[in-house]
């Protein structure tokens, strides 16, 4: 990999839509530990190797591929195992980007500091490498490549290690039981683990989002699209989503969307169908694009960037 340390602050941005990355670096064989306080917002992608990350007195195991989150002002201690080495690609954003990164959902201090990556990242890394090695460096394109790398690390993948396999099976189960009850303890038992273990593994992937919050998110996304993009009766939409009682579906929808299914269709359906008839793309409303809903605050949509993959 041909990625040298690159400092991008001096480069102007013509289209300041994304957080501007300050510096990028690649350490193919890092053997030392870092024990200090950073003044920046850092993402360290561990592409090979293993080690530990100590934050707030808690030691977190690090095993590639994963990404380490390093918040400004936080004392931290991380590095490969003693006598070992790891391969690290790091992105440094200035401290002034902390608020926008946090709002986006990819850099919350409440999230686990070590987040396993479930997909192959080589394509996203190669695109970043191409941008950095172009004859005329374009900082906007580098920012976009870095953001793509961050978002790609959230994509659900097919790795079947125990933790990711359990979380993916849980997601599949929740997506398939939108209209029914979810017994978390019974489901954990079916996987051969305790409920506490399942919750820890879920939190490593989803942060503060609960099982019910994830299921409500999927329900709102699917129901909004079906109401806006089809002319199917509400009763039929309820059945498609697994609700035996269409009145219960309407109540749940109203709790989540703050309006009835009929009112939502009146507000968005004709516009959507009209745009599709004219050959235009239809972008769902902001509330339905938002992918993170806390179970205790379902009436408030969180920022729309997190978890779009």
Protein backbone atom coordinates (compact mmCIF):
# COMPACT_ATOMS: atom_id res chain seq x y z
CA UNK A 1 0.00 0.00 0.00
CA UNK A 2 1.46 3.33 -1.05
CA UNK A 3 -0.03 5.77 1.46
CA UNK A 4 2.44 8.20 2.94
CA UNK A 5 1.74 10.67 5.75
CA UNK A 6 -0.22 13.47 4.13
CA UNK A 7 -1.13 16.77 5.80
CA UNK A 8 -4.21 18.25 4.14
CA UNK A 9 -4.99 21.36 6.18
CA UNK A 10 -3.31 23.72 3.67
CA UNK A 11 -5.43 22.42 0.79
CA UNK A 12 -8.54 24.48 0.02
CA UNK A 13 -11.96 22.83 -0.19
CA UNK A 14 -14.18 24.00 -3.02
CA UNK A 15 -17.20 22.06 -1.77
CA UNK A 16 -17.09 21.97 2.05
CA UNK A 17 -19.87 19.41 2.46
CA UNK A 18 -17.96 16.79 4.46
CA UNK A 19 -15.71 17.07 7.53
CA UNK A 20 -12.26 18.08 6.24
CA UNK A 21 -9.64 15.49 7.11
CA UNK A 22 -6.51 17.10 8.52
CA UNK A 23 -3.94 14.31 8.14
CA UNK A 24 -3.74 10.72 6.89
CA UNK A 25 -1.06 8.16 7.61
CA UNK A 26 -0.21 4.51 7.13
CA UNK A 27 1.91 2.43 9.51
CA UNK A 28 2.59 -0.98 7.91
CA UNK A 29 4.39 -2.37 10.94
CA UNK A 30 3.58 -0.45 14.12
CA UNK A 31 5.29 -1.95 17.17
CA UNK A 32 5.05 0.83 19.77
CA UNK A 33 2.19 1.84 22.04
CA UNK A 34 0.64 5.29 22.22
CA UNK A 35 -0.10 6.59 25.72
CA UNK A 36 -1.19 10.20 25.53
CA UNK A 37 -4.05 12.64 25.11
CA UNK A 38 -4.99 13.57 21.55
CA UNK A 39 -6.29 17.01 20.67
CA UNK A 40 -7.92 15.74 17.49
CA UNK A 41 -10.68 13.38 16.37
CA UNK A 42 -9.00 10.19 15.17
CA UNK A 43 -10.05 7.01 13.40
CA UNK A 44 -7.40 4.28 13.45
CA UNK A 45 -8.17 1.38 11.11
CA UNK A 46 -6.30 -1.73 12.26
CA UNK A 47 -5.94 -3.81 9.11
CA UNK A 48 -3.74 -6.60 10.49
CA UNK A 49 -2.52 -7.70 13.90
CA UNK A 50 -3.90 -7.49 17.41
CA UNK A 51 -3.35 -5.65 20.68
CA UNK A 52 -5.23 -3.71 23.34
CA UNK A 53 -6.79 -0.30 23.84
CA UNK A 54 -7.09 1.06 27.39
CA UNK A 55 -9.64 3.85 27.79
CA UNK A 56 -11.15 5.19 31.03
CA UNK A 57 -9.50 2.39 32.96
CA UNK A 58 -11.00 -0.39 30.81
CA UNK A 59 -8.86 -2.61 28.59
CA UNK A 60 -10.47 -3.45 25.26
CA UNK A 61 -9.07 -6.22 23.06
CA UNK A 62 -8.09 -5.16 19.54
CA UNK A 63 -8.15 -7.66 16.68
CA UNK A 64 -8.00 -6.77 13.00
CA UNK A 65 -9.95 -5.74 11.10
CA UNK A 66 -11.39 -3.07 13.35
CA UNK A 67 -11.45 0.69 13.85
CA UNK A 68 -10.37 2.51 17.02
CA UNK A 69 -12.13 5.75 17.96
CA UNK A 70 -9.97 8.34 19.69
CA UNK A 71 -11.77 11.38 21.08
CA UNK A 72 -10.10 14.74 21.78
CA UNK A 73 -9.08 15.31 25.38
CA UNK A 74 -9.34 11.62 26.36
CA UNK A 75 -6.26 9.95 27.94
CA UNK A 76 -5.70 6.70 26.05
CA UNK A 77 -3.22 3.87 25.80
CA UNK A 78 -3.24 1.57 22.78
CA UNK A 79 -0.94 -0.54 20.68
CA UNK A 80 -0.05 -4.05 19.53
CA UNK A 81 0.66 -6.93 21.88
CA UNK A 82 4.13 -6.97 23.45
CA UNK A 83 6.65 -8.13 20.89
CA UNK A 84 4.08 -7.94 18.10
CA UNK A 85 3.05 -5.46 15.43
CA UNK A 86 -0.05 -4.30 13.61
CA UNK A 87 -0.90 -2.50 10.39
CA UNK A 88 -2.67 0.82 10.91
CA UNK A 89 -4.28 3.40 8.63
CA UNK A 90 -5.27 6.53 10.53
CA UNK A 91 -7.45 9.52 9.71
CA UNK A 92 -7.10 12.69 11.79
CA UNK A 93 -9.84 15.32 11.85
CA UNK A 94 -9.42 18.68 13.62
CA UNK A 95 -11.08 19.08 17.02
CA UNK A 96 -13.53 21.60 15.54
CA UNK A 97 -15.12 18.69 13.62
CA UNK A 98 -16.07 16.88 16.83
CA UNK A 99 -19.64 18.22 16.91
CA UNK A 100 -20.46 17.34 13.30
CA UNK A 101 -18.82 13.91 13.59
CA UNK A 102 -20.79 13.21 16.74
CA UNK A 103 -24.06 14.34 15.18
CA UNK A 104 -23.41 12.07 12.22
CA UNK A 105 -23.43 9.09 14.55
CA UNK A 106 -19.97 7.76 13.68
CA UNK A 107 -18.03 9.34 16.55
CA UNK A 108 -20.05 9.24 19.75
CA UNK A 109 -18.14 9.04 23.06
CA UNK A 110 -20.87 6.65 24.21
CA UNK A 111 -19.92 4.08 21.57
CA UNK A 112 -17.44 1.26 22.19
CA UNK A 113 -13.93 2.57 21.40
CA UNK A 114 -13.09 -0.57 19.39
CA UNK A 115 -15.52 -1.42 16.61
CA UNK A 116 -14.98 -4.65 14.62
CA UNK A 117 -15.30 -4.38 10.84
CA UNK A 118 -17.42 -7.05 9.17
CA UNK A 119 -16.59 -6.40 5.51
CA UNK A 120 -13.61 -6.42 3.18
CA UNK A 121 -12.16 -2.89 3.21
CA UNK A 122 -9.54 -3.21 0.47
CA UNK A 123 -11.66 -1.48 -2.21
CA UNK A 124 -12.34 1.59 -0.05
CA UNK A 125 -8.69 1.75 1.01
CA UNK A 126 -7.57 1.49 -2.64
CA UNK A 127 -9.82 4.42 -3.61
CA UNK A 128 -8.30 6.53 -0.86
CA UNK A 129 -4.82 5.51 -2.03
CA UNK A 130 -5.67 6.55 -5.60
CA UNK A 131 -6.91 9.96 -4.44
CA UNK A 132 -3.78 10.59 -2.39
CA UNK A 133 -1.42 9.56 -5.18
CA UNK A 134 -3.08 11.48 -8.00
CA UNK A 135 -0.85 13.96 -9.81
CA UNK A 136 -2.93 16.87 -8.59
CA UNK A 137 -4.29 16.20 -5.12
CA UNK A 138 -7.95 17.20 -4.75
CA UNK A 139 -8.77 17.61 -1.06
CA UNK A 140 -12.52 17.36 -1.68
CA UNK A 141 -12.09 13.94 -3.28
CA UNK A 142 -9.82 12.83 -0.45
CA UNK A 143 -12.45 13.93 2.10
CA UNK A 144 -15.04 11.92 0.19
CA UNK A 145 -12.78 8.84 0.09
CA UNK A 146 -12.15 9.09 3.84
CA UNK A 147 -15.86 9.41 4.54
CA UNK A 148 -16.55 6.42 2.31
CA UNK A 149 -13.97 4.44 4.30
CA UNK A 150 -15.67 5.34 7.59
CA UNK A 151 -19.14 4.47 6.30
CA UNK A 152 -17.91 1.25 4.67
CA UNK A 153 -16.68 0.10 8.07
CA UNK A 154 -20.31 0.12 9.27
CA UNK A 155 -21.59 -2.15 6.49
CA UNK A 156 -23.01 -5.51 7.62
CA UNK A 157 -20.85 -8.31 6.30
CA UNK A 158 -20.63 -12.05 5.98
CA UNK A 159 -17.86 -12.77 8.48
CA UNK A 160 -19.04 -15.62 10.61
CA UNK A 161 -17.02 -15.26 13.80
CA UNK A 162 -19.19 -15.81 16.86
CA UNK A 163 -19.86 -12.18 17.73
CA UNK A 164 -20.76 -10.92 14.26
CA UNK A 165 -22.70 -14.07 13.43
CA UNK A 166 -24.87 -13.64 16.54
CA UNK A 167 -25.53 -9.96 15.83
CA UNK A 168 -26.43 -10.58 12.19
CA UNK A 169 -28.81 -13.37 13.18
CA UNK A 170 -30.39 -11.01 15.69
CA UNK A 171 -30.83 -8.34 13.03
CA UNK A 172 -32.41 -10.85 10.66
CA UNK A 173 -34.79 -12.02 13.37
CA UNK A 174 -35.82 -8.47 14.27
CA UNK A 175 -36.39 -7.58 10.61
CA UNK A 176 -38.59 -10.65 10.24
CA UNK A 177 -40.74 -10.04 13.33
CA UNK A 178 -41.82 -6.43 12.92
CA UNK A 179 -45.41 -7.17 13.89
CA UNK A 180 -44.77 -9.70 16.65
CA UNK A 181 -43.18 -9.95 20.06
CA UNK A 182 -39.43 -10.30 20.55
CA UNK A 183 -38.27 -12.38 23.51
CA UNK A 184 -34.62 -11.36 23.78
CA UNK A 185 -33.79 -13.90 26.47
CA UNK A 186 -35.29 -16.79 24.49
CA UNK A 187 -33.51 -15.67 21.33
CA UNK A 188 -30.17 -15.45 23.14
CA UNK A 189 -30.75 -18.96 24.50
CA UNK A 190 -31.40 -20.22 20.95
CA UNK A 191 -27.92 -18.94 20.04
CA UNK A 192 -26.38 -20.74 23.00
CA UNK A 193 -25.47 -17.60 24.93
CA UNK A 194 -26.75 -15.49 27.78
CA UNK A 195 -28.83 -12.38 27.26
CA UNK A 196 -26.01 -10.28 28.76
CA UNK A 197 -23.55 -11.67 26.19
CA UNK A 198 -25.93 -10.96 23.32
CA UNK A 199 -26.45 -7.40 24.55
CA UNK A 200 -22.68 -6.81 24.80
CA UNK A 201 -22.16 -8.07 21.26
CA UNK A 202 -25.10 -6.01 20.01
CA UNK A 203 -23.73 -2.87 21.70
CA UNK A 204 -20.35 -3.39 20.02
CA UNK A 205 -22.14 -3.10 16.65
CA UNK A 206 -25.01 -0.71 17.41
CA UNK A 207 -23.83 1.47 20.29
CA UNK A 208 -26.75 2.74 22.37
CA UNK A 209 -29.44 1.56 19.96
CA UNK A 210 -31.64 -1.10 21.59
CA UNK A 211 -33.25 -4.18 20.03
CA UNK A 212 -36.63 -2.44 20.01
CA UNK A 213 -35.11 0.75 18.65
CA UNK A 214 -33.61 -1.16 15.72
CA UNK A 215 -36.89 -2.93 14.97
CA UNK A 216 -38.86 0.32 15.14
CA UNK A 217 -36.35 1.90 12.77
CA UNK A 218 -36.87 -0.87 10.20
CA UNK A 219 -40.65 -0.75 10.63
CA UNK A 220 -40.75 3.00 10.01
CA UNK A 221 -38.47 2.82 6.98
CA UNK A 222 -40.40 0.02 5.29
CA UNK A 223 -43.87 1.32 6.08
CA UNK A 224 -43.06 4.86 4.94
CA UNK A 225 -41.70 3.60 1.64
CA UNK A 226 -44.70 1.35 1.01
CA UNK A 227 -47.14 4.15 1.81
CA UNK A 228 -45.30 6.65 -0.40
CA UNK A 229 -44.30 4.39 -3.28
CA UNK A 230 -47.33 2.11 -3.66
CA UNK A 231 -51.09 2.39 -3.67
CA UNK A 232 -51.61 -0.76 -1.59
CA UNK A 233 -54.30 -0.41 1.11
CA UNK A 234 -53.07 0.11 4.66
CA UNK A 235 -54.52 -3.30 5.59
CA UNK A 236 -52.36 -4.96 2.93
CA UNK A 237 -49.25 -3.05 3.99
CA UNK A 238 -49.84 -4.13 7.58
CA UNK A 239 -50.08 -7.76 6.49
CA UNK A 240 -46.91 -7.52 4.40
CA UNK A 241 -45.07 -6.21 7.43
CA UNK A 242 -46.28 -9.06 9.64
CA UNK A 243 -49.16 -7.37 11.48
CA UNK A 244 -52.26 -9.55 11.87
CA UNK A 245 -54.19 -6.55 13.18
CA UNK A 246 -54.12 -3.51 10.85
CA UNK A 247 -55.40 -1.28 13.65
CA UNK A 248 -52.41 -2.20 15.79
CA UNK A 249 -50.13 -1.41 12.84
CA UNK A 250 -51.78 2.01 12.49
CA UNK A 251 -51.25 2.71 16.20
CA UNK A 252 -47.58 1.72 16.01
CA UNK A 253 -47.07 3.82 12.90
CA UNK A 254 -48.66 6.83 14.55
CA UNK A 255 -46.42 6.44 17.61
CA UNK A 256 -43.32 6.43 15.41
CA UNK A 257 -44.23 8.88 12.65
CA UNK A 258 -46.52 11.25 14.63
CA UNK A 259 -49.24 10.88 12.01
CA UNK A 260 -51.57 8.20 10.70
CA UNK A 261 -50.63 6.05 7.70
CA UNK A 262 -53.37 7.74 5.67
CA UNK A 263 -52.11 11.22 6.56
CA UNK A 264 -48.57 10.20 5.68
CA UNK A 265 -49.67 8.93 2.29
CA UNK A 266 -51.61 12.14 1.61
CA UNK A 267 -48.53 14.19 2.44
CA UNK A 268 -45.97 12.13 0.50
CA UNK A 269 -47.62 9.52 -1.69
CA UNK A 270 -48.88 11.60 -4.59
CA UNK A 271 -45.62 13.52 -4.81
CA UNK A 272 -43.61 10.31 -4.80
CA UNK A 273 -45.76 8.54 -7.36
CA UNK A 274 -45.81 11.64 -9.53
CA UNK A 275 -42.04 11.90 -9.51
CA UNK A 276 -41.65 8.24 -10.40
CA UNK A 277 -44.11 8.67 -13.26
CA UNK A 278 -41.99 11.54 -14.54
CA UNK A 279 -38.86 9.38 -14.30
CA UNK A 280 -37.40 11.25 -11.35
CA UNK A 281 -35.78 9.67 -8.32
CA UNK A 282 -37.70 9.81 -5.08
CA UNK A 283 -35.89 10.57 -1.86
CA UNK A 284 -37.81 9.57 1.28
CA UNK A 285 -38.53 12.25 3.87
CA UNK A 286 -35.84 13.11 6.39
CA UNK A 287 -37.52 11.30 9.26
CA UNK A 288 -37.60 8.05 7.32
CA UNK A 289 -34.02 8.40 6.14
CA UNK A 290 -32.85 8.62 9.73
CA UNK A 291 -31.56 5.23 10.77
CA UNK A 292 -31.14 5.58 14.53
CA UNK A 293 -34.12 5.71 16.88
CA UNK A 294 -33.73 5.35 20.62
CA UNK A 295 -36.58 3.37 22.16
CA UNK A 296 -37.13 6.09 24.74
CA UNK A 297 -37.22 8.93 22.21
CA UNK A 298 -39.01 7.50 19.22
CA UNK A 299 -40.66 10.82 18.50
CA UNK A 300 -37.32 12.45 17.72
CA UNK A 301 -35.37 11.56 14.60
CA UNK A 302 -31.63 11.41 15.12
CA UNK A 303 -29.10 12.73 12.56
CA UNK A 304 -29.40 10.97 9.23
CA UNK A 305 -25.86 9.88 8.46
CA UNK A 306 -25.39 6.94 10.77
CA UNK A 307 -25.93 3.43 9.53
CA UNK A 308 -27.00 4.18 5.97
CA UNK A 309 -25.11 1.24 4.64
